[in-house]
């Protein structure tokens, strides 16, 4: 009876602490790619990112106060916040916004599914979470799919090939920055800090860097008078940033960065559906094969084979 009761408790914990948050942040992030696309135009991307994370930092600070977490951090906490802020809330998001100026939003989301690869490799290097042979095979299969999607985008995108390739480059940079942040915040000396306080400062630092570089590159702040822009900005700041990251990082800390990257397989499905509906993305046999290979490869890479060595804290 005791074993059964413990098993039920474990299932309940997994559902409320992992599965429910996973569903929420995956659904939110699946919708953000098309909204980011709408943010581009009047406002330079750097300013849009700065506005977003200024609002997100305020929302995250409010969450910290509601949870009665201290907003002040020690020196180690501010160092961690600075590293996460630079990697995640400057490098990652600035690169995504620039990428979507050149490449279809859904394609950026699909390529972002490769986040699993650097997450796993960095997790192996720094968290002792060793991948198995299925990871190698699945990742290789996904890379083939990404190449096919890139070829399709080069053929169908009306922008000059150099601009499309620049979009791919910005996407790759965003993936690397996101992965560095994901793995770094899962390290033991970072995990001891209150997450909401850490994220509030990380977002504020990222927003400050975004604003400084925006002013340097594009001049004084620029504002879009459209209500849709500001509605989208609030959604991206409050729901896709403050709420989603406050749900995502605890999941990363519980199950590791590699398993958490399952969301990067589901997010493109939502993003491509929205891209098809609103950006009139045209599916060709090449694009279909590429998308299927990418998602199938990522699922294979994340499946648990006999050769996979579990992380020290795995069940």
C-alpha atoms as a PDB file:
ATOM      1  CA  UNK A   1       0.000   0.000   0.000  1.00  0.00           C
ATOM      2  CA  UNK A   2       2.827   2.360   0.905  1.00  0.00           C
ATOM      3  CA  UNK A   3       4.484   1.823  -2.480  1.00  0.00           C
ATOM      4  CA  UNK A   4       1.207   2.449  -4.300  1.00  0.00           C
ATOM      5  CA  UNK A   5       0.563   5.626  -2.297  1.00  0.00           C
ATOM      6  CA  UNK A   6       4.069   6.892  -3.050  1.00  0.00           C
ATOM      7  CA  UNK A   7       3.591   6.103  -6.734  1.00  0.00           C
ATOM      8  CA  UNK A   8       0.350   8.087  -6.821  1.00  0.00           C
ATOM      9  CA  UNK A   9       2.053  10.986  -5.096  1.00  0.00           C
ATOM     10  CA  UNK A  10       4.887  10.883  -7.638  1.00  0.00           C
ATOM     11  CA  UNK A  11       2.400  10.869 -10.529  1.00  0.00           C
ATOM     12  CA  UNK A  12       0.517  13.778  -8.984  1.00  0.00           C
ATOM     13  CA  UNK A  13       3.736  15.728  -8.509  1.00  0.00           C
ATOM     14  CA  UNK A  14       4.793  15.038 -12.091  1.00  0.00           C
ATOM     15  CA  UNK A  15       1.422  16.192 -13.425  1.00  0.00           C
ATOM     16  CA  UNK A  16       1.213  19.448 -11.465  1.00  0.00           C
ATOM     17  CA  UNK A  17       4.918  20.355 -11.362  1.00  0.00           C
ATOM     18  CA  UNK A  18       6.024  19.217 -14.840  1.00  0.00           C
ATOM     19  CA  UNK A  19       3.228  18.286 -17.266  1.00  0.00           C
ATOM     20  CA  UNK A  20       0.838  21.205 -16.652  1.00  0.00           C
ATOM     21  CA  UNK A  21       3.562  23.892 -16.810  1.00  0.00           C
ATOM     22  CA  UNK A  22       5.007  22.154 -19.880  1.00  0.00           C
ATOM     23  CA  UNK A  23       1.672  22.332 -21.712  1.00  0.00           C
ATOM     24  CA  UNK A  24       1.184  26.006 -20.798  1.00  0.00           C
ATOM     25  CA  UNK A  25       4.587  27.347 -21.831  1.00  0.00           C
ATOM     26  CA  UNK A  26       4.645  25.198 -24.982  1.00  0.00           C
ATOM     27  CA  UNK A  27       1.252  26.537 -26.094  1.00  0.00           C
ATOM     28  CA  UNK A  28       2.305  30.117 -25.348  1.00  0.00           C
ATOM     29  CA  UNK A  29       5.635  29.876 -27.154  1.00  0.00           C
ATOM     30  CA  UNK A  30       4.010  28.190 -30.129  1.00  0.00           C
ATOM     31  CA  UNK A  31       1.993  31.378 -30.694  1.00  0.00           C
ATOM     32  CA  UNK A  32       4.778  33.905 -30.172  1.00  0.00           C
ATOM     33  CA  UNK A  33       6.565  33.487 -33.488  1.00  0.00           C
ATOM     34  CA  UNK A  34       3.715  34.958 -35.536  1.00  0.00           C
ATOM     35  CA  UNK A  35       3.268  37.781 -33.008  1.00  0.00           C
ATOM     36  CA  UNK A  36       6.967  38.658 -33.182  1.00  0.00           C
ATOM     37  CA  UNK A  37       6.571  38.874 -36.946  1.00  0.00           C
ATOM     38  CA  UNK A  38       3.849  41.503 -36.460  1.00  0.00           C
ATOM     39  CA  UNK A  39       6.183  43.513 -34.195  1.00  0.00           C
ATOM     40  CA  UNK A  40       8.585  44.073 -37.095  1.00  0.00           C
ATOM     41  CA  UNK A  41       8.202  47.116 -39.303  1.00  0.00           C
ATOM     42  CA  UNK A  42       7.930  50.589 -37.777  1.00  0.00           C
ATOM     43  CA  UNK A  43       9.900  49.817 -34.611  1.00  0.00           C
ATOM     44  CA  UNK A  44      13.513  48.569 -34.993  1.00  0.00           C
ATOM     45  CA  UNK A  45      13.855  45.018 -33.631  1.00  0.00           C
ATOM     46  CA  UNK A  46      16.266  46.134 -30.896  1.00  0.00           C
ATOM     47  CA  UNK A  47      13.711  48.561 -29.484  1.00  0.00           C
ATOM     48  CA  UNK A  48      10.921  45.981 -29.616  1.00  0.00           C
ATOM     49  CA  UNK A  49      13.081  43.570 -27.606  1.00  0.00           C
ATOM     50  CA  UNK A  50      13.989  46.342 -25.139  1.00  0.00           C
ATOM     51  CA  UNK A  51      10.328  47.300 -24.632  1.00  0.00           C
ATOM     52  CA  UNK A  52       9.348  43.657 -24.210  1.00  0.00           C
ATOM     53  CA  UNK A  53      11.841  42.829 -21.492  1.00  0.00           C
ATOM     54  CA  UNK A  54      11.434  46.105 -19.666  1.00  0.00           C
ATOM     55  CA  UNK A  55       7.760  45.212 -19.198  1.00  0.00           C
ATOM     56  CA  UNK A  56       8.655  41.569 -18.529  1.00  0.00           C
ATOM     57  CA  UNK A  57      11.166  42.548 -15.823  1.00  0.00           C
ATOM     58  CA  UNK A  58       8.491  44.620 -14.064  1.00  0.00           C
ATOM     59  CA  UNK A  59       6.004  41.743 -14.312  1.00  0.00           C
ATOM     60  CA  UNK A  60       8.618  39.286 -13.022  1.00  0.00           C
ATOM     61  CA  UNK A  61       9.446  41.588 -10.098  1.00  0.00           C
ATOM     62  CA  UNK A  62       5.731  41.702  -9.252  1.00  0.00           C
ATOM     63  CA  UNK A  63       5.630  37.895  -9.301  1.00  0.00           C
ATOM     64  CA  UNK A  64       8.630  37.831  -6.966  1.00  0.00           C
ATOM     65  CA  UNK A  65       6.905  40.183  -4.531  1.00  0.00           C
ATOM     66  CA  UNK A  66       3.682  38.154  -4.656  1.00  0.00           C
ATOM     67  CA  UNK A  67       5.730  35.067  -3.796  1.00  0.00           C
ATOM     68  CA  UNK A  68       7.425  37.111  -1.039  1.00  0.00           C
ATOM     69  CA  UNK A  69      10.845  36.593  -2.577  1.00  0.00           C
ATOM     70  CA  UNK A  70      13.571  39.173  -1.859  1.00  0.00           C
ATOM     71  CA  UNK A  71      14.408  41.223  -4.943  1.00  0.00           C
ATOM     72  CA  UNK A  72      17.983  41.892  -3.873  1.00  0.00           C
ATOM     73  CA  UNK A  73      20.571  39.296  -4.857  1.00  0.00           C
ATOM     74  CA  UNK A  74      24.069  38.671  -3.589  1.00  0.00           C
ATOM     75  CA  UNK A  75      27.110  39.082  -5.833  1.00  0.00           C
ATOM     76  CA  UNK A  76      26.790  35.532  -7.143  1.00  0.00           C
ATOM     77  CA  UNK A  77      23.120  36.109  -7.913  1.00  0.00           C
ATOM     78  CA  UNK A  78      23.794  39.306  -9.851  1.00  0.00           C
ATOM     79  CA  UNK A  79      26.562  37.539 -11.788  1.00  0.00           C
ATOM     80  CA  UNK A  80      24.167  34.724 -12.698  1.00  0.00           C
ATOM     81  CA  UNK A  81      21.453  37.231 -13.652  1.00  0.00           C
ATOM     82  CA  UNK A  82      23.906  39.093 -15.870  1.00  0.00           C
ATOM     83  CA  UNK A  83      24.980  35.918 -17.693  1.00  0.00           C
ATOM     84  CA  UNK A  84      21.375  34.798 -18.225  1.00  0.00           C
ATOM     85  CA  UNK A  85      20.347  38.325 -19.224  1.00  0.00           C
ATOM     86  CA  UNK A  86      23.075  38.618 -21.851  1.00  0.00           C
ATOM     87  CA  UNK A  87      22.594  35.099 -23.245  1.00  0.00           C
ATOM     88  CA  UNK A  88      18.803  34.741 -23.100  1.00  0.00           C
ATOM     89  CA  UNK A  89      17.233  38.166 -23.053  1.00  0.00           C
ATOM     90  CA  UNK A  90      19.718  39.907 -25.293  1.00  0.00           C
ATOM     91  CA  UNK A  91      21.519  37.396 -27.527  1.00  0.00           C
ATOM     92  CA  UNK A  92      18.695  34.915 -28.014  1.00  0.00           C
ATOM     93  CA  UNK A  93      15.761  37.250 -28.509  1.00  0.00           C
ATOM     94  CA  UNK A  94      17.559  39.943 -30.490  1.00  0.00           C
ATOM     95  CA  UNK A  95      18.720  37.236 -32.886  1.00  0.00           C
ATOM     96  CA  UNK A  96      15.195  35.814 -33.224  1.00  0.00           C
ATOM     97  CA  UNK A  97      13.715  39.238 -34.038  1.00  0.00           C
ATOM     98  CA  UNK A  98      16.412  39.874 -36.657  1.00  0.00           C
ATOM     99  CA  UNK A  99      15.943  36.374 -38.088  1.00  0.00           C
ATOM    100  CA  UNK A 100      12.225  36.942 -38.628  1.00  0.00           C
ATOM    101  CA  UNK A 101      12.982  40.005 -40.735  1.00  0.00           C
ATOM    102  CA  UNK A 102      14.396  37.651 -43.361  1.00  0.00           C
ATOM    103  CA  UNK A 103      12.824  34.209 -42.846  1.00  0.00           C
ATOM    104  CA  UNK A 104       9.268  32.927 -42.347  1.00  0.00           C
ATOM    105  CA  UNK A 105       8.411  32.807 -38.643  1.00  0.00           C
ATOM    106  CA  UNK A 106       7.370  29.150 -38.770  1.00  0.00           C
ATOM    107  CA  UNK A 107      10.696  28.167 -40.327  1.00  0.00           C
ATOM    108  CA  UNK A 108      12.573  29.958 -37.544  1.00  0.00           C
ATOM    109  CA  UNK A 109      10.504  27.960 -35.043  1.00  0.00           C
ATOM    110  CA  UNK A 110      11.234  24.665 -36.808  1.00  0.00           C
ATOM    111  CA  UNK A 111      14.978  25.343 -36.952  1.00  0.00           C
ATOM    112  CA  UNK A 112      14.775  26.237 -33.270  1.00  0.00           C
ATOM    113  CA  UNK A 113      13.793  22.622 -32.631  1.00  0.00           C
ATOM    114  CA  UNK A 114      17.527  21.945 -32.940  1.00  0.00           C
ATOM    115  CA  UNK A 115      17.863  23.546 -29.499  1.00  0.00           C
ATOM    116  CA  UNK A 116      17.926  19.972 -28.231  1.00  0.00           C
ATOM    117  CA  UNK A 117      21.365  19.402 -29.755  1.00  0.00           C
ATOM    118  CA  UNK A 118      23.383  22.116 -27.957  1.00  0.00           C
ATOM    119  CA  UNK A 119      21.221  21.631 -24.838  1.00  0.00           C
ATOM    120  CA  UNK A 120      22.215  17.968 -24.751  1.00  0.00           C
ATOM    121  CA  UNK A 121      25.879  18.511 -25.600  1.00  0.00           C
ATOM    122  CA  UNK A 122      26.304  21.302 -23.052  1.00  0.00           C
ATOM    123  CA  UNK A 123      24.323  19.294 -20.509  1.00  0.00           C
ATOM    124  CA  UNK A 124      26.765  16.428 -21.099  1.00  0.00           C
ATOM    125  CA  UNK A 125      29.753  18.741 -20.657  1.00  0.00           C
ATOM    126  CA  UNK A 126      28.597  20.614 -17.566  1.00  0.00           C
ATOM    127  CA  UNK A 127      25.799  18.566 -15.948  1.00  0.00           C
ATOM    128  CA  UNK A 128      27.041  15.013 -16.637  1.00  0.00           C
ATOM    129  CA  UNK A 129      23.873  14.121 -18.573  1.00  0.00           C
ATOM    130  CA  UNK A 130      25.323  11.848 -21.236  1.00  0.00           C
ATOM    131  CA  UNK A 131      23.377  11.287 -24.501  1.00  0.00           C
ATOM    132  CA  UNK A 132      22.967   7.907 -26.166  1.00  0.00           C
ATOM    133  CA  UNK A 133      23.238   6.618 -29.721  1.00  0.00           C
ATOM    134  CA  UNK A 134      19.645   7.550 -30.525  1.00  0.00           C
ATOM    135  CA  UNK A 135      20.570  11.168 -29.927  1.00  0.00           C
ATOM    136  CA  UNK A 136      23.281  10.960 -32.597  1.00  0.00           C
ATOM    137  CA  UNK A 137      21.026   9.228 -35.125  1.00  0.00           C
ATOM    138  CA  UNK A 138      18.016  11.422 -34.413  1.00  0.00           C
ATOM    139  CA  UNK A 139      20.008  14.648 -34.498  1.00  0.00           C
ATOM    140  CA  UNK A 140      21.559  13.681 -37.824  1.00  0.00           C
ATOM    141  CA  UNK A 141      18.112  12.927 -39.246  1.00  0.00           C
ATOM    142  CA  UNK A 142      16.807  16.271 -38.000  1.00  0.00           C
ATOM    143  CA  UNK A 143      19.730  18.097 -39.576  1.00  0.00           C
ATOM    144  CA  UNK A 144      18.854  16.576 -42.941  1.00  0.00           C
ATOM    145  CA  UNK A 145      15.292  17.810 -42.492  1.00  0.00           C
ATOM    146  CA  UNK A 146      16.495  21.317 -41.612  1.00  0.00           C
ATOM    147  CA  UNK A 147      18.664  21.404 -44.740  1.00  0.00           C
ATOM    148  CA  UNK A 148      15.627  20.506 -46.889  1.00  0.00           C
ATOM    149  CA  UNK A 149      13.531  23.231 -45.224  1.00  0.00           C
ATOM    150  CA  UNK A 150      16.310  25.762 -45.778  1.00  0.00           C
ATOM    151  CA  UNK A 151      16.525  24.819 -49.451  1.00  0.00           C
ATOM    152  CA  UNK A 152      12.763  25.286 -49.763  1.00  0.00           C
ATOM    153  CA  UNK A 153      12.941  28.668 -48.026  1.00  0.00           C
ATOM    154  CA  UNK A 154      15.738  29.822 -50.326  1.00  0.00           C
ATOM    155  CA  UNK A 155      13.665  28.839 -53.358  1.00  0.00           C
ATOM    156  CA  UNK A 156      10.344  30.301 -52.242  1.00  0.00           C
ATOM    157  CA  UNK A 157      11.301  33.379 -50.203  1.00  0.00           C
ATOM    158  CA  UNK A 158      11.186  36.525 -52.389  1.00  0.00           C
ATOM    159  CA  UNK A 159      14.040  38.100 -50.404  1.00  0.00           C
ATOM    160  CA  UNK A 160      17.584  37.952 -51.829  1.00  0.00           C
ATOM    161  CA  UNK A 161      19.389  34.697 -50.939  1.00  0.00           C
ATOM    162  CA  UNK A 162      21.922  36.625 -48.850  1.00  0.00           C
ATOM    163  CA  UNK A 163      19.091  37.967 -46.651  1.00  0.00           C
ATOM    164  CA  UNK A 164      17.596  34.489 -46.215  1.00  0.00           C
ATOM    165  CA  UNK A 165      21.005  33.073 -45.274  1.00  0.00           C
ATOM    166  CA  UNK A 166      21.386  35.929 -42.785  1.00  0.00           C
ATOM    167  CA  UNK A 167      18.063  34.846 -41.264  1.00  0.00           C
ATOM    168  CA  UNK A 168      19.396  31.311 -40.869  1.00  0.00           C
ATOM    169  CA  UNK A 169      22.552  32.697 -39.252  1.00  0.00           C
ATOM    170  CA  UNK A 170      20.601  34.780 -36.756  1.00  0.00           C
ATOM    171  CA  UNK A 171      18.509  31.710 -35.905  1.00  0.00           C
ATOM    172  CA  UNK A 172      21.634  29.644 -35.256  1.00  0.00           C
ATOM    173  CA  UNK A 173      22.993  32.395 -32.993  1.00  0.00           C
ATOM    174  CA  UNK A 174      19.689  32.500 -31.095  1.00  0.00           C
ATOM    175  CA  UNK A 175      19.769  28.731 -30.547  1.00  0.00           C
ATOM    176  CA  UNK A 176      23.302  28.834 -29.166  1.00  0.00           C
ATOM    177  CA  UNK A 177      22.516  31.730 -26.803  1.00  0.00           C
ATOM    178  CA  UNK A 178      19.332  30.047 -25.545  1.00  0.00           C
ATOM    179  CA  UNK A 179      21.180  26.804 -24.928  1.00  0.00           C
ATOM    180  CA  UNK A 180      23.948  28.513 -22.948  1.00  0.00           C
ATOM    181  CA  UNK A 181      21.305  30.128 -20.739  1.00  0.00           C
ATOM    182  CA  UNK A 182      19.307  26.904 -20.309  1.00  0.00           C
ATOM    183  CA  UNK A 183      22.290  24.847 -19.200  1.00  0.00           C
ATOM    184  CA  UNK A 184      23.883  27.581 -17.101  1.00  0.00           C
ATOM    185  CA  UNK A 185      20.777  28.233 -14.996  1.00  0.00           C
ATOM    186  CA  UNK A 186      20.488  24.510 -14.254  1.00  0.00           C
ATOM    187  CA  UNK A 187      23.886  24.473 -12.522  1.00  0.00           C
ATOM    188  CA  UNK A 188      23.861  24.002  -8.762  1.00  0.00           C
ATOM    189  CA  UNK A 189      25.301  27.389  -7.762  1.00  0.00           C
ATOM    190  CA  UNK A 190      22.651  29.162  -9.853  1.00  0.00           C
ATOM    191  CA  UNK A 191      19.743  27.032  -8.653  1.00  0.00           C
ATOM    192  CA  UNK A 192      20.153  28.201  -5.061  1.00  0.00           C
ATOM    193  CA  UNK A 193      18.868  31.666  -5.977  1.00  0.00           C
ATOM    194  CA  UNK A 194      15.136  32.421  -5.998  1.00  0.00           C
ATOM    195  CA  UNK A 195      14.079  31.993  -9.621  1.00  0.00           C
ATOM    196  CA  UNK A 196      11.604  34.872  -9.857  1.00  0.00           C
ATOM    197  CA  UNK A 197      14.093  37.370  -8.415  1.00  0.00           C
ATOM    198  CA  UNK A 198      16.878  36.030 -10.629  1.00  0.00           C
ATOM    199  CA  UNK A 199      14.719  36.287 -13.747  1.00  0.00           C
ATOM    200  CA  UNK A 200      13.525  39.792 -12.883  1.00  0.00           C
ATOM    201  CA  UNK A 201      17.121  41.031 -12.778  1.00  0.00           C
ATOM    202  CA  UNK A 202      18.143  38.965 -15.819  1.00  0.00           C
ATOM    203  CA  UNK A 203      15.306  40.473 -17.868  1.00  0.00           C
ATOM    204  CA  UNK A 204      16.142  43.972 -16.641  1.00  0.00           C
ATOM    205  CA  UNK A 205      19.810  43.537 -17.553  1.00  0.00           C
ATOM    206  CA  UNK A 206      18.886  42.125 -20.954  1.00  0.00           C
ATOM    207  CA  UNK A 207      16.478  45.025 -21.556  1.00  0.00           C
ATOM    208  CA  UNK A 208      19.155  47.575 -20.596  1.00  0.00           C
ATOM    209  CA  UNK A 209      21.637  46.072 -23.043  1.00  0.00           C
ATOM    210  CA  UNK A 210      18.954  45.904 -25.741  1.00  0.00           C
ATOM    211  CA  UNK A 211      18.065  49.570 -25.183  1.00  0.00           C
ATOM    212  CA  UNK A 212      21.699  50.703 -25.200  1.00  0.00           C
ATOM    213  CA  UNK A 213      22.466  48.923 -28.447  1.00  0.00           C
ATOM    214  CA  UNK A 214      19.138  50.022 -29.945  1.00  0.00           C
ATOM    215  CA  UNK A 215      19.974  53.669 -29.268  1.00  0.00           C
ATOM    216  CA  UNK A 216      23.477  53.164 -30.701  1.00  0.00           C
ATOM    217  CA  UNK A 217      22.298  51.416 -33.868  1.00  0.00           C
ATOM    218  CA  UNK A 218      18.878  52.923 -34.542  1.00  0.00           C
ATOM    219  CA  UNK A 219      18.731  56.204 -32.625  1.00  0.00           C
ATOM    220  CA  UNK A 220      16.128  57.314 -30.051  1.00  0.00           C
ATOM    221  CA  UNK A 221      13.104  55.137 -29.189  1.00  0.00           C
ATOM    222  CA  UNK A 222      10.567  54.575 -31.954  1.00  0.00           C
ATOM    223  CA  UNK A 223       6.914  53.806 -31.249  1.00  0.00           C
ATOM    224  CA  UNK A 224       4.272  52.081 -33.355  1.00  0.00           C
ATOM    225  CA  UNK A 225       0.833  53.718 -32.909  1.00  0.00           C
ATOM    226  CA  UNK A 226      -1.064  50.538 -33.845  1.00  0.00           C
ATOM    227  CA  UNK A 227      -3.066  49.034 -30.945  1.00  0.00           C
ATOM    228  CA  UNK A 228      -2.158  45.600 -32.297  1.00  0.00           C
ATOM    229  CA  UNK A 229       1.525  46.297 -31.723  1.00  0.00           C
ATOM    230  CA  UNK A 230       1.017  47.169 -28.061  1.00  0.00           C
ATOM    231  CA  UNK A 231      -1.404  44.313 -27.420  1.00  0.00           C
ATOM    232  CA  UNK A 232       1.157  41.958 -28.922  1.00  0.00           C
ATOM    233  CA  UNK A 233       3.929  43.557 -26.867  1.00  0.00           C
ATOM    234  CA  UNK A 234       2.033  43.072 -23.601  1.00  0.00           C
ATOM    235  CA  UNK A 235       1.291  39.451 -24.537  1.00  0.00           C
ATOM    236  CA  UNK A 236       4.962  38.794 -25.336  1.00  0.00           C
ATOM    237  CA  UNK A 237       6.149  40.519 -22.155  1.00  0.00           C
ATOM    238  CA  UNK A 238       3.666  39.210 -19.595  1.00  0.00           C
ATOM    239  CA  UNK A 239       2.629  35.799 -20.917  1.00  0.00           C
ATOM    240  CA  UNK A 240       5.452  34.687 -23.228  1.00  0.00           C
ATOM    241  CA  UNK A 241       8.222  36.057 -20.981  1.00  0.00           C
ATOM    242  CA  UNK A 242       7.310  36.521 -17.310  1.00  0.00           C
ATOM    243  CA  UNK A 243       4.766  33.701 -17.072  1.00  0.00           C
ATOM    244  CA  UNK A 244       6.349  31.251 -19.517  1.00  0.00           C
ATOM    245  CA  UNK A 245       9.877  31.524 -18.135  1.00  0.00           C
ATOM    246  CA  UNK A 246       8.639  31.279 -14.541  1.00  0.00           C
ATOM    247  CA  UNK A 247       7.116  27.934 -15.592  1.00  0.00           C
ATOM    248  CA  UNK A 248       9.882  26.771 -17.953  1.00  0.00           C
ATOM    249  CA  UNK A 249      12.984  27.128 -15.811  1.00  0.00           C
ATOM    250  CA  UNK A 250      11.578  25.118 -12.860  1.00  0.00           C
ATOM    251  CA  UNK A 251      10.845  22.301 -15.324  1.00  0.00           C
ATOM    252  CA  UNK A 252      14.426  22.540 -16.645  1.00  0.00           C
ATOM    253  CA  UNK A 253      15.701  22.298 -13.084  1.00  0.00           C
ATOM    254  CA  UNK A 254      13.561  19.221 -12.385  1.00  0.00           C
ATOM    255  CA  UNK A 255      14.099  17.163 -15.546  1.00  0.00           C
ATOM    256  CA  UNK A 256      17.196  18.709 -17.142  1.00  0.00           C
ATOM    257  CA  UNK A 257      17.740  20.858 -20.262  1.00  0.00           C
ATOM    258  CA  UNK A 258      17.719  17.938 -22.714  1.00  0.00           C
ATOM    259  CA  UNK A 259      14.281  16.580 -21.723  1.00  0.00           C
ATOM    260  CA  UNK A 260      12.883  20.093 -21.439  1.00  0.00           C
ATOM    261  CA  UNK A 261      13.710  20.576 -25.112  1.00  0.00           C
ATOM    262  CA  UNK A 262      10.697  18.384 -25.958  1.00  0.00           C
ATOM    263  CA  UNK A 263       8.853  21.699 -26.125  1.00  0.00           C
ATOM    264  CA  UNK A 264      11.056  22.749 -29.042  1.00  0.00           C
ATOM    265  CA  UNK A 265       9.523  19.881 -31.045  1.00  0.00           C
ATOM    266  CA  UNK A 266       5.916  20.751 -30.226  1.00  0.00           C
ATOM    267  CA  UNK A 267       6.304  24.527 -30.569  1.00  0.00           C
ATOM    268  CA  UNK A 268       7.103  24.373 -34.340  1.00  0.00           C
ATOM    269  CA  UNK A 269       3.916  22.404 -34.987  1.00  0.00           C
ATOM    270  CA  UNK A 270       1.863  25.270 -33.540  1.00  0.00           C
ATOM    271  CA  UNK A 271       4.056  27.901 -35.188  1.00  0.00           C
ATOM    272  CA  UNK A 272       3.877  26.298 -38.641  1.00  0.00           C
ATOM    273  CA  UNK A 273       0.093  26.002 -38.392  1.00  0.00           C
ATOM    274  CA  UNK A 274      -0.136  29.735 -37.639  1.00  0.00           C
ATOM    275  CA  UNK A 275       2.400  30.546 -40.346  1.00  0.00           C
ATOM    276  CA  UNK A 276       0.357  28.586 -42.864  1.00  0.00           C
ATOM    277  CA  UNK A 277      -2.824  30.403 -41.839  1.00  0.00           C
ATOM    278  CA  UNK A 278      -1.508  33.961 -41.557  1.00  0.00           C
ATOM    279  CA  UNK A 279       1.721  34.115 -43.577  1.00  0.00           C
ATOM    280  CA  UNK A 280       0.404  31.939 -46.412  1.00  0.00           C
ATOM    281  CA  UNK A 281       3.318  29.553 -46.097  1.00  0.00           C
ATOM    282  CA  UNK A 282       3.253  27.184 -49.065  1.00  0.00           C
ATOM    283  CA  UNK A 283       3.886  23.536 -48.391  1.00  0.00           C
ATOM    284  CA  UNK A 284       5.770  21.708 -51.127  1.00  0.00           C
ATOM    285  CA  UNK A 285       6.838  18.049 -51.056  1.00  0.00           C
ATOM    286  CA  UNK A 286      10.360  19.229 -50.148  1.00  0.00           C
ATOM    287  CA  UNK A 287       9.061  21.293 -47.206  1.00  0.00           C
ATOM    288  CA  UNK A 288       6.811  18.468 -45.979  1.00  0.00           C
ATOM    289  CA  UNK A 289       9.644  15.921 -46.063  1.00  0.00           C
ATOM    290  CA  UNK A 290      11.961  18.401 -44.338  1.00  0.00           C
ATOM    291  CA  UNK A 291       9.476  19.143 -41.542  1.00  0.00           C
ATOM    292  CA  UNK A 292       8.696  15.455 -40.982  1.00  0.00           C
ATOM    293  CA  UNK A 293      12.387  14.492 -40.883  1.00  0.00           C
ATOM    294  CA  UNK A 294      13.163  17.326 -38.470  1.00  0.00           C
ATOM    295  CA  UNK A 295      10.416  16.502 -35.991  1.00  0.00           C
ATOM    296  CA  UNK A 296      10.899  12.731 -36.287  1.00  0.00           C
ATOM    297  CA  UNK A 297      14.622  13.142 -35.769  1.00  0.00           C
ATOM    298  CA  UNK A 298      14.143  15.249 -32.664  1.00  0.00           C
ATOM    299  CA  UNK A 299      11.670  12.749 -31.219  1.00  0.00           C
ATOM    300  CA  UNK A 300      14.131   9.921 -31.865  1.00  0.00           C
ATOM    301  CA  UNK A 301      16.952  11.934 -30.323  1.00  0.00           C
ATOM    302  CA  UNK A 302      14.920  12.475 -27.169  1.00  0.00           C
ATOM    303  CA  UNK A 303      13.680   8.903 -26.864  1.00  0.00           C
ATOM    304  CA  UNK A 304      15.225   6.794 -24.137  1.00  0.00           C
ATOM    305  CA  UNK A 305      17.256   3.945 -25.549  1.00  0.00           C
ATOM    306  CA  UNK A 306      19.314   1.405 -23.647  1.00  0.00           C
ATOM    307  CA  UNK A 307      22.506   3.279 -24.370  1.00  0.00           C
ATOM    308  CA  UNK A 308      21.339   6.454 -22.672  1.00  0.00           C
ATOM    309  CA  UNK A 309      23.066   7.107 -19.362  1.00  0.00           C
ATOM    310  CA  UNK A 310      20.687   8.831 -16.973  1.00  0.00           C
ATOM    311  CA  UNK A 311      21.643  11.993 -15.168  1.00  0.00           C
ATOM    312  CA  UNK A 312      22.543  11.623 -11.466  1.00  0.00           C
ATOM    313  CA  UNK A 313      19.153  12.912 -10.319  1.00  0.00           C
ATOM    314  CA  UNK A 314      17.053  10.939 -12.809  1.00  0.00           C
ATOM    315  CA  UNK A 315      14.481   8.465 -11.557  1.00  0.00           C
END
